[in-house]
């Protein structure tokens, strides 16, 4: 695995790769796997999932993951670079800005002849669907895999209601809390996060990634994007789904506070040809925490089925 923070659209961006690094020649490779994260967009949470995908593909296809602009800042040299603040740069960090961020990345680092297996998680699925509307990128996309996809009515879902109706009115308190938390010594912050992981039975190897949540500049951008999602992700884009149905795989959860089961049922009714599946294993929306291996094997098998044939 390789990682760095190349500047994409004026914002240093955390990139992780398995196989070829983004700046290396892909050589004989004619396809890659590209994962777009959910929100928060911290690639560190996807390491186990994507390393499983890479191994499932017999290490024959490079696997890349891109985080969201401003959601992950390097803490140490030589990666550390200044990240623009939100003020005056709203267009970089809102939903449209995050889409342009992914467009810039693909156009810069993925050669035009290379096909993309595009894996989206949560809001990453919405961005992936929007990428299908970009003619030159559409030609490169071999298949899309939408995992727990937030493609519609986010504000109306249970978690959307909690975010907009309960947390948003008192967000100044939440903001004050995480700013105070950021002032604590790292050893105390790590201990608190460790205790939380023990209680929630989350894997301990994600503690380092979770520690990045304690950066107020990161949390401000996570919140800024989340609020924009609530306003922008409304109606399901049936036209784009129908036009690309043969290249789309949808995987919905049964315990998902962001995507209720009725969204799955309505999609199947509206687009009978859609390859949509309802999880029978009770995987959580944040599957990367407890079901990374299982999802990695599933996605790897889907990609093998749909990979480029010479």
C-alpha atoms as a PDB file:
ATOM      1  CA  UNK A   1       0.000   0.000   0.000  1.00  0.00           C
ATOM      2  CA  UNK A   2       1.207   3.501  -0.854  1.00  0.00           C
ATOM      3  CA  UNK A   3      -0.131   6.848   0.279  1.00  0.00           C
ATOM      4  CA  UNK A   4       0.427  10.563  -0.139  1.00  0.00           C
ATOM      5  CA  UNK A   5      -1.390  13.902  -0.262  1.00  0.00           C
ATOM      6  CA  UNK A   6      -1.157  15.235  -3.837  1.00  0.00           C
ATOM      7  CA  UNK A   7      -2.827  18.575  -4.473  1.00  0.00           C
ATOM      8  CA  UNK A   8      -6.055  18.140  -6.410  1.00  0.00           C
ATOM      9  CA  UNK A   9      -8.125  21.205  -7.202  1.00  0.00           C
ATOM     10  CA  UNK A  10      -6.020  23.316  -4.800  1.00  0.00           C
ATOM     11  CA  UNK A  11      -6.591  20.894  -1.908  1.00  0.00           C
ATOM     12  CA  UNK A  12      -4.072  18.331  -0.583  1.00  0.00           C
ATOM     13  CA  UNK A  13      -5.946  15.039  -0.808  1.00  0.00           C
ATOM     14  CA  UNK A  14      -5.285  11.733   0.919  1.00  0.00           C
ATOM     15  CA  UNK A  15      -4.828   8.968  -1.651  1.00  0.00           C
ATOM     16  CA  UNK A  16      -4.153   5.307  -0.886  1.00  0.00           C
ATOM     17  CA  UNK A  17      -3.268   2.757  -3.547  1.00  0.00           C
ATOM     18  CA  UNK A  18      -2.661  -0.968  -3.849  1.00  0.00           C
ATOM     19  CA  UNK A  19      -0.643  -1.961  -6.895  1.00  0.00           C
ATOM     20  CA  UNK A  20       0.422   0.979  -9.026  1.00  0.00           C
ATOM     21  CA  UNK A  21       0.763   4.428  -7.473  1.00  0.00           C
ATOM     22  CA  UNK A  22      -1.252   7.182  -9.199  1.00  0.00           C
ATOM     23  CA  UNK A  23       1.865   8.822 -10.658  1.00  0.00           C
ATOM     24  CA  UNK A  24       3.381   5.572 -11.930  1.00  0.00           C
ATOM     25  CA  UNK A  25       2.806   4.354 -15.445  1.00  0.00           C
ATOM     26  CA  UNK A  26       0.021   1.789 -15.467  1.00  0.00           C
ATOM     27  CA  UNK A  27       1.929  -0.134 -18.092  1.00  0.00           C
ATOM     28  CA  UNK A  28      -0.154  -2.980 -19.477  1.00  0.00           C
ATOM     29  CA  UNK A  29      -2.995  -2.374 -17.042  1.00  0.00           C
ATOM     30  CA  UNK A  30      -6.192  -1.429 -18.870  1.00  0.00           C
ATOM     31  CA  UNK A  31      -8.414  -1.197 -15.812  1.00  0.00           C
ATOM     32  CA  UNK A  32      -8.321   0.093 -12.247  1.00  0.00           C
ATOM     33  CA  UNK A  33     -10.618   0.064  -9.234  1.00  0.00           C
ATOM     34  CA  UNK A  34     -11.405   3.524  -7.851  1.00  0.00           C
ATOM     35  CA  UNK A  35     -13.269   3.944  -4.561  1.00  0.00           C
ATOM     36  CA  UNK A  36     -15.003   7.170  -3.549  1.00  0.00           C
ATOM     37  CA  UNK A  37     -15.566   7.334   0.196  1.00  0.00           C
ATOM     38  CA  UNK A  38     -18.597   8.332   2.196  1.00  0.00           C
ATOM     39  CA  UNK A  39     -18.707  11.380   4.454  1.00  0.00           C
ATOM     40  CA  UNK A  40     -16.447  11.779   6.414  1.00  0.00           C
ATOM     41  CA  UNK A  41     -14.079  11.028   3.554  1.00  0.00           C
ATOM     42  CA  UNK A  42     -11.135   9.459   5.381  1.00  0.00           C
ATOM     43  CA  UNK A  43      -9.473   6.741   3.238  1.00  0.00           C
ATOM     44  CA  UNK A  44      -7.854   5.233   6.332  1.00  0.00           C
ATOM     45  CA  UNK A  45     -11.161   3.594   7.225  1.00  0.00           C
ATOM     46  CA  UNK A  46     -11.169   1.736   3.878  1.00  0.00           C
ATOM     47  CA  UNK A  47      -7.790  -0.001   4.139  1.00  0.00           C
ATOM     48  CA  UNK A  48      -9.059  -3.430   5.217  1.00  0.00           C
ATOM     49  CA  UNK A  49     -11.963  -3.357   2.763  1.00  0.00           C
ATOM     50  CA  UNK A  50      -9.853  -2.374  -0.241  1.00  0.00           C
ATOM     51  CA  UNK A  51      -6.877  -4.569   0.592  1.00  0.00           C
ATOM     52  CA  UNK A  52      -9.379  -7.450   0.580  1.00  0.00           C
ATOM     53  CA  UNK A  53     -10.704  -6.333  -2.809  1.00  0.00           C
ATOM     54  CA  UNK A  54      -7.131  -6.140  -4.144  1.00  0.00           C
ATOM     55  CA  UNK A  55      -6.274  -9.629  -2.891  1.00  0.00           C
ATOM     56  CA  UNK A  56      -9.546 -11.004  -4.244  1.00  0.00           C
ATOM     57  CA  UNK A  57      -8.510  -9.674  -7.668  1.00  0.00           C
ATOM     58  CA  UNK A  58      -5.265 -11.639  -7.339  1.00  0.00           C
ATOM     59  CA  UNK A  59      -3.397  -8.317  -7.166  1.00  0.00           C
ATOM     60  CA  UNK A  60      -3.873  -7.970 -10.919  1.00  0.00           C
ATOM     61  CA  UNK A  61      -5.829  -4.689 -10.923  1.00  0.00           C
ATOM     62  CA  UNK A  62      -4.606  -1.517  -9.191  1.00  0.00           C
ATOM     63  CA  UNK A  63      -6.968  -0.337  -6.451  1.00  0.00           C
ATOM     64  CA  UNK A  64      -7.159   3.348  -5.505  1.00  0.00           C
ATOM     65  CA  UNK A  65      -9.208   5.282  -2.973  1.00  0.00           C
ATOM     66  CA  UNK A  66      -9.695   9.042  -2.913  1.00  0.00           C
ATOM     67  CA  UNK A  67     -10.829  10.981   0.126  1.00  0.00           C
ATOM     68  CA  UNK A  68     -12.895  14.154   0.028  1.00  0.00           C
ATOM     69  CA  UNK A  69     -11.302  17.565  -0.257  1.00  0.00           C
ATOM     70  CA  UNK A  70     -10.446  18.898   3.193  1.00  0.00           C
ATOM     71  CA  UNK A  71     -11.592  15.830   5.130  1.00  0.00           C
ATOM     72  CA  UNK A  72      -8.143  14.441   5.846  1.00  0.00           C
ATOM     73  CA  UNK A  73      -5.063  16.509   6.620  1.00  0.00           C
ATOM     74  CA  UNK A  74      -1.555  15.101   6.920  1.00  0.00           C
ATOM     75  CA  UNK A  75      -0.146  15.482  10.424  1.00  0.00           C
ATOM     76  CA  UNK A  76       3.529  15.006   9.608  1.00  0.00           C
ATOM     77  CA  UNK A  77       6.082  16.014   6.999  1.00  0.00           C
ATOM     78  CA  UNK A  78       6.782  15.312   4.176  1.00  0.00           C
ATOM     79  CA  UNK A  79       3.060  15.029   3.424  1.00  0.00           C
ATOM     80  CA  UNK A  80       1.865  18.063   5.345  1.00  0.00           C
ATOM     81  CA  UNK A  81       0.653  20.895   3.100  1.00  0.00           C
ATOM     82  CA  UNK A  82      -1.643  23.842   3.871  1.00  0.00           C
ATOM     83  CA  UNK A  83      -5.352  23.217   3.295  1.00  0.00           C
ATOM     84  CA  UNK A  84      -7.488  26.241   2.314  1.00  0.00           C
ATOM     85  CA  UNK A  85     -10.074  27.340   4.916  1.00  0.00           C
ATOM     86  CA  UNK A  86     -13.791  27.113   4.167  1.00  0.00           C
ATOM     87  CA  UNK A  87     -14.272  30.880   4.233  1.00  0.00           C
ATOM     88  CA  UNK A  88     -13.870  32.160   0.703  1.00  0.00           C
ATOM     89  CA  UNK A  89     -13.445  28.610  -0.637  1.00  0.00           C
ATOM     90  CA  UNK A  90     -16.939  27.214  -0.160  1.00  0.00           C
ATOM     91  CA  UNK A  91     -16.962  26.086  -3.801  1.00  0.00           C
ATOM     92  CA  UNK A  92     -14.120  23.660  -3.037  1.00  0.00           C
ATOM     93  CA  UNK A  93     -15.822  21.879  -0.158  1.00  0.00           C
ATOM     94  CA  UNK A  94     -19.536  21.745  -0.990  1.00  0.00           C
ATOM     95  CA  UNK A  95     -21.081  18.814  -2.844  1.00  0.00           C
ATOM     96  CA  UNK A  96     -20.472  20.295  -6.296  1.00  0.00           C
ATOM     97  CA  UNK A  97     -16.899  21.092  -5.329  1.00  0.00           C
ATOM     98  CA  UNK A  98     -16.343  17.504  -4.202  1.00  0.00           C
ATOM     99  CA  UNK A  99     -17.668  16.293  -7.556  1.00  0.00           C
ATOM    100  CA  UNK A 100     -15.297  18.588  -9.446  1.00  0.00           C
ATOM    101  CA  UNK A 101     -12.528  17.306  -7.173  1.00  0.00           C
ATOM    102  CA  UNK A 102     -13.157  13.741  -8.401  1.00  0.00           C
ATOM    103  CA  UNK A 103     -13.394  14.886 -12.027  1.00  0.00           C
ATOM    104  CA  UNK A 104     -10.031  16.645 -11.720  1.00  0.00           C
ATOM    105  CA  UNK A 105      -8.461  13.564 -10.172  1.00  0.00           C
ATOM    106  CA  UNK A 106      -9.658  11.159 -12.871  1.00  0.00           C
ATOM    107  CA  UNK A 107      -8.681  13.464 -15.729  1.00  0.00           C
ATOM    108  CA  UNK A 108      -5.214  13.973 -14.251  1.00  0.00           C
ATOM    109  CA  UNK A 109      -4.303  10.468 -13.145  1.00  0.00           C
ATOM    110  CA  UNK A 110      -6.386   7.917 -15.090  1.00  0.00           C
ATOM    111  CA  UNK A 111      -5.299   7.578 -18.749  1.00  0.00           C
ATOM    112  CA  UNK A 112      -8.174   7.856 -21.224  1.00  0.00           C
ATOM    113  CA  UNK A 113      -7.819   4.252 -22.412  1.00  0.00           C
ATOM    114  CA  UNK A 114      -8.060   2.792 -18.893  1.00  0.00           C
ATOM    115  CA  UNK A 115     -11.425   1.470 -17.725  1.00  0.00           C
ATOM    116  CA  UNK A 116     -12.637   2.235 -14.203  1.00  0.00           C
ATOM    117  CA  UNK A 117     -14.467  -0.075 -11.822  1.00  0.00           C
ATOM    118  CA  UNK A 118     -16.042   2.668  -9.697  1.00  0.00           C
ATOM    119  CA  UNK A 119     -16.915   1.784  -6.101  1.00  0.00           C
ATOM    120  CA  UNK A 120     -19.000   4.297  -4.193  1.00  0.00           C
ATOM    121  CA  UNK A 121     -19.952   4.228  -0.544  1.00  0.00           C
ATOM    122  CA  UNK A 122     -22.803   6.342   0.832  1.00  0.00           C
ATOM    123  CA  UNK A 123     -22.484   9.866  -0.652  1.00  0.00           C
ATOM    124  CA  UNK A 124     -19.669   8.487  -2.796  1.00  0.00           C
ATOM    125  CA  UNK A 125     -22.426   6.715  -4.755  1.00  0.00           C
ATOM    126  CA  UNK A 126     -24.130  10.030  -5.485  1.00  0.00           C
ATOM    127  CA  UNK A 127     -20.839  11.444  -6.765  1.00  0.00           C
ATOM    128  CA  UNK A 128     -20.232   8.322  -8.851  1.00  0.00           C
ATOM    129  CA  UNK A 129     -23.692   8.653 -10.417  1.00  0.00           C
ATOM    130  CA  UNK A 130     -22.918  12.273 -11.284  1.00  0.00           C
ATOM    131  CA  UNK A 131     -19.649  11.193 -12.917  1.00  0.00           C
ATOM    132  CA  UNK A 132     -21.689   9.160 -15.383  1.00  0.00           C
ATOM    133  CA  UNK A 133     -23.028  12.462 -16.729  1.00  0.00           C
ATOM    134  CA  UNK A 134     -19.522  13.597 -17.736  1.00  0.00           C
ATOM    135  CA  UNK A 135     -19.047  12.314 -21.331  1.00  0.00           C
ATOM    136  CA  UNK A 136     -15.296  11.632 -21.279  1.00  0.00           C
ATOM    137  CA  UNK A 137     -15.439   9.989 -17.846  1.00  0.00           C
ATOM    138  CA  UNK A 138     -18.572   8.026 -18.719  1.00  0.00           C
ATOM    139  CA  UNK A 139     -16.618   6.339 -21.522  1.00  0.00           C
ATOM    140  CA  UNK A 140     -14.037   5.127 -19.020  1.00  0.00           C
ATOM    141  CA  UNK A 141     -16.422   3.673 -16.471  1.00  0.00           C
ATOM    142  CA  UNK A 142     -16.691  -0.077 -16.845  1.00  0.00           C
ATOM    143  CA  UNK A 143     -19.072  -0.665 -13.945  1.00  0.00           C
ATOM    144  CA  UNK A 144     -20.306   1.091 -10.787  1.00  0.00           C
ATOM    145  CA  UNK A 145     -20.840  -0.574  -7.422  1.00  0.00           C
ATOM    146  CA  UNK A 146     -23.062   1.458  -5.087  1.00  0.00           C
ATOM    147  CA  UNK A 147     -22.722   0.358  -1.457  1.00  0.00           C
ATOM    148  CA  UNK A 148     -25.382   1.639   0.941  1.00  0.00           C
ATOM    149  CA  UNK A 149     -26.122   4.422  -1.561  1.00  0.00           C
ATOM    150  CA  UNK A 150     -27.376   7.825  -0.432  1.00  0.00           C
ATOM    151  CA  UNK A 151     -28.873   8.803  -3.775  1.00  0.00           C
ATOM    152  CA  UNK A 152     -32.098  10.459  -2.670  1.00  0.00           C
ATOM    153  CA  UNK A 153     -34.066  12.128   0.128  1.00  0.00           C
ATOM    154  CA  UNK A 154     -31.267  12.189   2.675  1.00  0.00           C
ATOM    155  CA  UNK A 155     -33.038  14.772   4.803  1.00  0.00           C
ATOM    156  CA  UNK A 156     -36.113  12.512   5.038  1.00  0.00           C
ATOM    157  CA  UNK A 157     -34.223   9.474   6.348  1.00  0.00           C
ATOM    158  CA  UNK A 158     -33.989   8.859  10.098  1.00  0.00           C
ATOM    159  CA  UNK A 159     -30.393  10.041  10.348  1.00  0.00           C
ATOM    160  CA  UNK A 160     -31.129  13.016   8.127  1.00  0.00           C
ATOM    161  CA  UNK A 161     -33.909  14.070  10.478  1.00  0.00           C
ATOM    162  CA  UNK A 162     -31.597  13.761  13.486  1.00  0.00           C
ATOM    163  CA  UNK A 163     -28.895  15.776  11.746  1.00  0.00           C
ATOM    164  CA  UNK A 164     -31.082  18.611  10.497  1.00  0.00           C
ATOM    165  CA  UNK A 165     -33.742  18.838  13.199  1.00  0.00           C
ATOM    166  CA  UNK A 166     -31.871  17.901  16.375  1.00  0.00           C
ATOM    167  CA  UNK A 167     -28.120  18.407  15.902  1.00  0.00           C
ATOM    168  CA  UNK A 168     -28.134  21.416  13.591  1.00  0.00           C
ATOM    169  CA  UNK A 169     -29.993  23.769  15.993  1.00  0.00           C
ATOM    170  CA  UNK A 170     -27.446  23.036  18.737  1.00  0.00           C
ATOM    171  CA  UNK A 171     -24.431  22.617  16.499  1.00  0.00           C
ATOM    172  CA  UNK A 172     -22.650  25.504  18.194  1.00  0.00           C
ATOM    173  CA  UNK A 173     -22.491  23.305  21.308  1.00  0.00           C
ATOM    174  CA  UNK A 174     -21.136  20.356  19.320  1.00  0.00           C
ATOM    175  CA  UNK A 175     -18.606  22.660  17.665  1.00  0.00           C
ATOM    176  CA  UNK A 176     -17.512  24.058  21.037  1.00  0.00           C
ATOM    177  CA  UNK A 177     -17.107  20.511  22.369  1.00  0.00           C
ATOM    178  CA  UNK A 178     -14.855  19.240  19.598  1.00  0.00           C
ATOM    179  CA  UNK A 179     -12.791  22.425  19.675  1.00  0.00           C
ATOM    180  CA  UNK A 180     -12.208  21.895  23.398  1.00  0.00           C
ATOM    181  CA  UNK A 181     -11.497  18.199  22.809  1.00  0.00           C
ATOM    182  CA  UNK A 182      -8.836  19.178  20.238  1.00  0.00           C
ATOM    183  CA  UNK A 183      -6.927  21.051  22.951  1.00  0.00           C
ATOM    184  CA  UNK A 184      -6.350  17.895  25.001  1.00  0.00           C
ATOM    185  CA  UNK A 185      -2.950  16.154  24.834  1.00  0.00           C
ATOM    186  CA  UNK A 186      -2.824  13.410  22.204  1.00  0.00           C
ATOM    187  CA  UNK A 187      -2.348  10.696  24.809  1.00  0.00           C
ATOM    188  CA  UNK A 188      -5.660  11.623  26.454  1.00  0.00           C
ATOM    189  CA  UNK A 189      -7.485  11.863  23.127  1.00  0.00           C
ATOM    190  CA  UNK A 190      -6.184   8.452  22.101  1.00  0.00           C
ATOM    191  CA  UNK A 191      -7.221   6.963  25.448  1.00  0.00           C
ATOM    192  CA  UNK A 192     -10.775   8.338  25.105  1.00  0.00           C
ATOM    193  CA  UNK A 193     -11.050   7.074  21.527  1.00  0.00           C
ATOM    194  CA  UNK A 194      -9.689   3.694  22.640  1.00  0.00           C
ATOM    195  CA  UNK A 195     -12.366   3.438  25.348  1.00  0.00           C
ATOM    196  CA  UNK A 196     -15.045   4.339  22.799  1.00  0.00           C
ATOM    197  CA  UNK A 197     -13.757   1.644  20.443  1.00  0.00           C
ATOM    198  CA  UNK A 198     -13.819  -0.912  23.256  1.00  0.00           C
ATOM    199  CA  UNK A 199     -17.438  -0.068  24.101  1.00  0.00           C
ATOM    200  CA  UNK A 200     -18.551  -0.116  20.446  1.00  0.00           C
ATOM    201  CA  UNK A 201     -16.329  -3.091  19.560  1.00  0.00           C
ATOM    202  CA  UNK A 202     -14.760  -1.203  16.681  1.00  0.00           C
ATOM    203  CA  UNK A 203     -11.365  -2.461  15.413  1.00  0.00           C
ATOM    204  CA  UNK A 204      -8.490  -0.820  17.306  1.00  0.00           C
ATOM    205  CA  UNK A 205      -6.372  -0.370  14.166  1.00  0.00           C
ATOM    206  CA  UNK A 206      -8.670   2.517  13.144  1.00  0.00           C
ATOM    207  CA  UNK A 207      -7.755   4.605  16.195  1.00  0.00           C
ATOM    208  CA  UNK A 208      -5.159   6.584  14.239  1.00  0.00           C
ATOM    209  CA  UNK A 209      -7.714   7.456  11.556  1.00  0.00           C
ATOM    210  CA  UNK A 210     -10.366   8.314  14.135  1.00  0.00           C
ATOM    211  CA  UNK A 211      -7.893  10.688  15.782  1.00  0.00           C
ATOM    212  CA  UNK A 212      -8.136  12.874  12.677  1.00  0.00           C
ATOM    213  CA  UNK A 213     -11.731  13.672  13.689  1.00  0.00           C
ATOM    214  CA  UNK A 214     -10.252  15.734  16.499  1.00  0.00           C
ATOM    215  CA  UNK A 215      -8.983  18.329  14.015  1.00  0.00           C
ATOM    216  CA  UNK A 216     -11.571  21.172  14.068  1.00  0.00           C
ATOM    217  CA  UNK A 217     -10.664  22.250  10.513  1.00  0.00           C
ATOM    218  CA  UNK A 218     -11.519  18.746   9.282  1.00  0.00           C
ATOM    219  CA  UNK A 219     -14.762  18.509  11.258  1.00  0.00           C
ATOM    220  CA  UNK A 220     -15.908  21.907   9.985  1.00  0.00           C
ATOM    221  CA  UNK A 221     -15.541  20.680   6.400  1.00  0.00           C
ATOM    222  CA  UNK A 222     -17.249  17.372   7.156  1.00  0.00           C
ATOM    223  CA  UNK A 223     -20.219  19.260   8.628  1.00  0.00           C
ATOM    224  CA  UNK A 224     -20.245  21.793   5.770  1.00  0.00           C
ATOM    225  CA  UNK A 225     -20.489  19.035   3.176  1.00  0.00           C
ATOM    226  CA  UNK A 226     -23.091  17.108   5.194  1.00  0.00           C
ATOM    227  CA  UNK A 227     -25.439  20.096   5.344  1.00  0.00           C
ATOM    228  CA  UNK A 228     -25.065  20.623   1.603  1.00  0.00           C
ATOM    229  CA  UNK A 229     -25.932  16.964   1.053  1.00  0.00           C
ATOM    230  CA  UNK A 230     -29.164  17.415   2.991  1.00  0.00           C
ATOM    231  CA  UNK A 231     -30.220  20.186   0.615  1.00  0.00           C
ATOM    232  CA  UNK A 232     -28.903  18.811  -2.690  1.00  0.00           C
ATOM    233  CA  UNK A 233     -29.571  15.070  -2.505  1.00  0.00           C
ATOM    234  CA  UNK A 234     -33.309  15.032  -3.021  1.00  0.00           C
ATOM    235  CA  UNK A 235     -34.984  13.266  -5.964  1.00  0.00           C
ATOM    236  CA  UNK A 236     -33.654   9.990  -7.351  1.00  0.00           C
ATOM    237  CA  UNK A 237     -32.052  10.508 -10.766  1.00  0.00           C
ATOM    238  CA  UNK A 238     -34.086   7.872 -12.583  1.00  0.00           C
ATOM    239  CA  UNK A 239     -32.998   9.011 -16.063  1.00  0.00           C
ATOM    240  CA  UNK A 240     -29.277   8.496 -15.395  1.00  0.00           C
ATOM    241  CA  UNK A 241     -29.928   5.167 -13.689  1.00  0.00           C
ATOM    242  CA  UNK A 242     -32.019   3.886 -16.597  1.00  0.00           C
ATOM    243  CA  UNK A 243     -29.443   5.033 -19.150  1.00  0.00           C
ATOM    244  CA  UNK A 244     -26.674   3.173 -17.342  1.00  0.00           C
ATOM    245  CA  UNK A 245     -28.603   0.316 -15.703  1.00  0.00           C
ATOM    246  CA  UNK A 246     -26.432  -2.420 -17.228  1.00  0.00           C
ATOM    247  CA  UNK A 247     -23.367  -0.892 -15.534  1.00  0.00           C
ATOM    248  CA  UNK A 248     -24.803  -0.357 -12.068  1.00  0.00           C
ATOM    249  CA  UNK A 249     -24.896  -2.601  -9.019  1.00  0.00           C
ATOM    250  CA  UNK A 250     -26.836  -1.407  -5.955  1.00  0.00           C
ATOM    251  CA  UNK A 251     -26.363  -2.896  -2.494  1.00  0.00           C
ATOM    252  CA  UNK A 252     -28.792  -1.700   0.186  1.00  0.00           C
ATOM    253  CA  UNK A 253     -28.784  -2.360   3.918  1.00  0.00           C
ATOM    254  CA  UNK A 254     -31.672  -3.459   6.113  1.00  0.00           C
ATOM    255  CA  UNK A 255     -30.563  -1.497   9.191  1.00  0.00           C
ATOM    256  CA  UNK A 256     -29.510   1.707   7.452  1.00  0.00           C
ATOM    257  CA  UNK A 257     -30.466   5.001   9.078  1.00  0.00           C
ATOM    258  CA  UNK A 258     -29.525   6.904   5.926  1.00  0.00           C
ATOM    259  CA  UNK A 259     -31.173   4.653   3.350  1.00  0.00           C
ATOM    260  CA  UNK A 260     -34.399   2.966   4.515  1.00  0.00           C
ATOM    261  CA  UNK A 261     -35.480  -0.297   2.888  1.00  0.00           C
ATOM    262  CA  UNK A 262     -38.356   1.494   1.182  1.00  0.00           C
ATOM    263  CA  UNK A 263     -35.811   3.340  -0.999  1.00  0.00           C
ATOM    264  CA  UNK A 264     -34.612  -0.048  -2.266  1.00  0.00           C
ATOM    265  CA  UNK A 265     -38.164  -1.227  -2.937  1.00  0.00           C
ATOM    266  CA  UNK A 266     -39.064   1.970  -4.772  1.00  0.00           C
ATOM    267  CA  UNK A 267     -35.936   1.760  -6.932  1.00  0.00           C
ATOM    268  CA  UNK A 268     -36.819  -1.792  -7.989  1.00  0.00           C
ATOM    269  CA  UNK A 269     -40.350  -0.676  -8.841  1.00  0.00           C
ATOM    270  CA  UNK A 270     -39.211   2.357 -10.837  1.00  0.00           C
ATOM    271  CA  UNK A 271     -36.328   0.604 -12.603  1.00  0.00           C
ATOM    272  CA  UNK A 272     -37.201  -3.107 -12.919  1.00  0.00           C
ATOM    273  CA  UNK A 273     -33.955  -3.803 -14.771  1.00  0.00           C
ATOM    274  CA  UNK A 274     -31.811  -2.443 -11.944  1.00  0.00           C
ATOM    275  CA  UNK A 275     -29.309  -4.878 -10.438  1.00  0.00           C
ATOM    276  CA  UNK A 276     -30.287  -4.091  -6.861  1.00  0.00           C
ATOM    277  CA  UNK A 277     -29.686  -6.332  -3.867  1.00  0.00           C
ATOM    278  CA  UNK A 278     -30.863  -6.102  -0.279  1.00  0.00           C
ATOM    279  CA  UNK A 279     -28.312  -7.161   2.327  1.00  0.00           C
ATOM    280  CA  UNK A 280     -29.402 -10.256   4.257  1.00  0.00           C
ATOM    281  CA  UNK A 281     -26.460 -10.167   6.690  1.00  0.00           C
ATOM    282  CA  UNK A 282     -27.364  -6.988   8.585  1.00  0.00           C
ATOM    283  CA  UNK A 283     -24.236  -5.114   7.581  1.00  0.00           C
ATOM    284  CA  UNK A 284     -24.177  -1.569   8.911  1.00  0.00           C
ATOM    285  CA  UNK A 285     -24.050   1.564   6.765  1.00  0.00           C
ATOM    286  CA  UNK A 286     -20.473   2.024   8.031  1.00  0.00           C
ATOM    287  CA  UNK A 287     -19.570  -1.492   6.881  1.00  0.00           C
ATOM    288  CA  UNK A 288     -15.852  -0.644   6.825  1.00  0.00           C
ATOM    289  CA  UNK A 289     -15.731  -0.914  10.608  1.00  0.00           C
ATOM    290  CA  UNK A 290     -17.051  -4.443  11.184  1.00  0.00           C
ATOM    291  CA  UNK A 291     -17.754  -6.068   7.805  1.00  0.00           C
ATOM    292  CA  UNK A 292     -14.814  -4.899   5.700  1.00  0.00           C
ATOM    293  CA  UNK A 293     -13.586  -8.385   4.786  1.00  0.00           C
ATOM    294  CA  UNK A 294     -17.018  -9.678   3.838  1.00  0.00           C
ATOM    295  CA  UNK A 295     -17.832  -6.667   1.688  1.00  0.00           C
ATOM    296  CA  UNK A 296     -14.354  -6.775   0.166  1.00  0.00           C
ATOM    297  CA  UNK A 297     -14.832 -10.352  -1.029  1.00  0.00           C
ATOM    298  CA  UNK A 298     -18.281  -9.565  -2.407  1.00  0.00           C
ATOM    299  CA  UNK A 299     -17.117  -6.500  -4.312  1.00  0.00           C
ATOM    300  CA  UNK A 300     -14.052  -8.364  -5.574  1.00  0.00           C
ATOM    301  CA  UNK A 301     -16.276 -11.097  -6.995  1.00  0.00           C
ATOM    302  CA  UNK A 302     -18.532  -8.538  -8.669  1.00  0.00           C
ATOM    303  CA  UNK A 303     -15.532  -6.861 -10.284  1.00  0.00           C
ATOM    304  CA  UNK A 304     -14.143 -10.172 -11.528  1.00  0.00           C
ATOM    305  CA  UNK A 305     -17.488 -10.811 -13.174  1.00  0.00           C
ATOM    306  CA  UNK A 306     -17.484  -7.437 -14.923  1.00  0.00           C
ATOM    307  CA  UNK A 307     -13.798  -6.867 -15.635  1.00  0.00           C
ATOM    308  CA  UNK A 308     -12.406  -5.859 -19.010  1.00  0.00           C
ATOM    309  CA  UNK A 309     -11.958  -8.671 -21.494  1.00  0.00           C
ATOM    310  CA  UNK A 310      -8.956  -8.253 -23.814  1.00  0.00           C
END
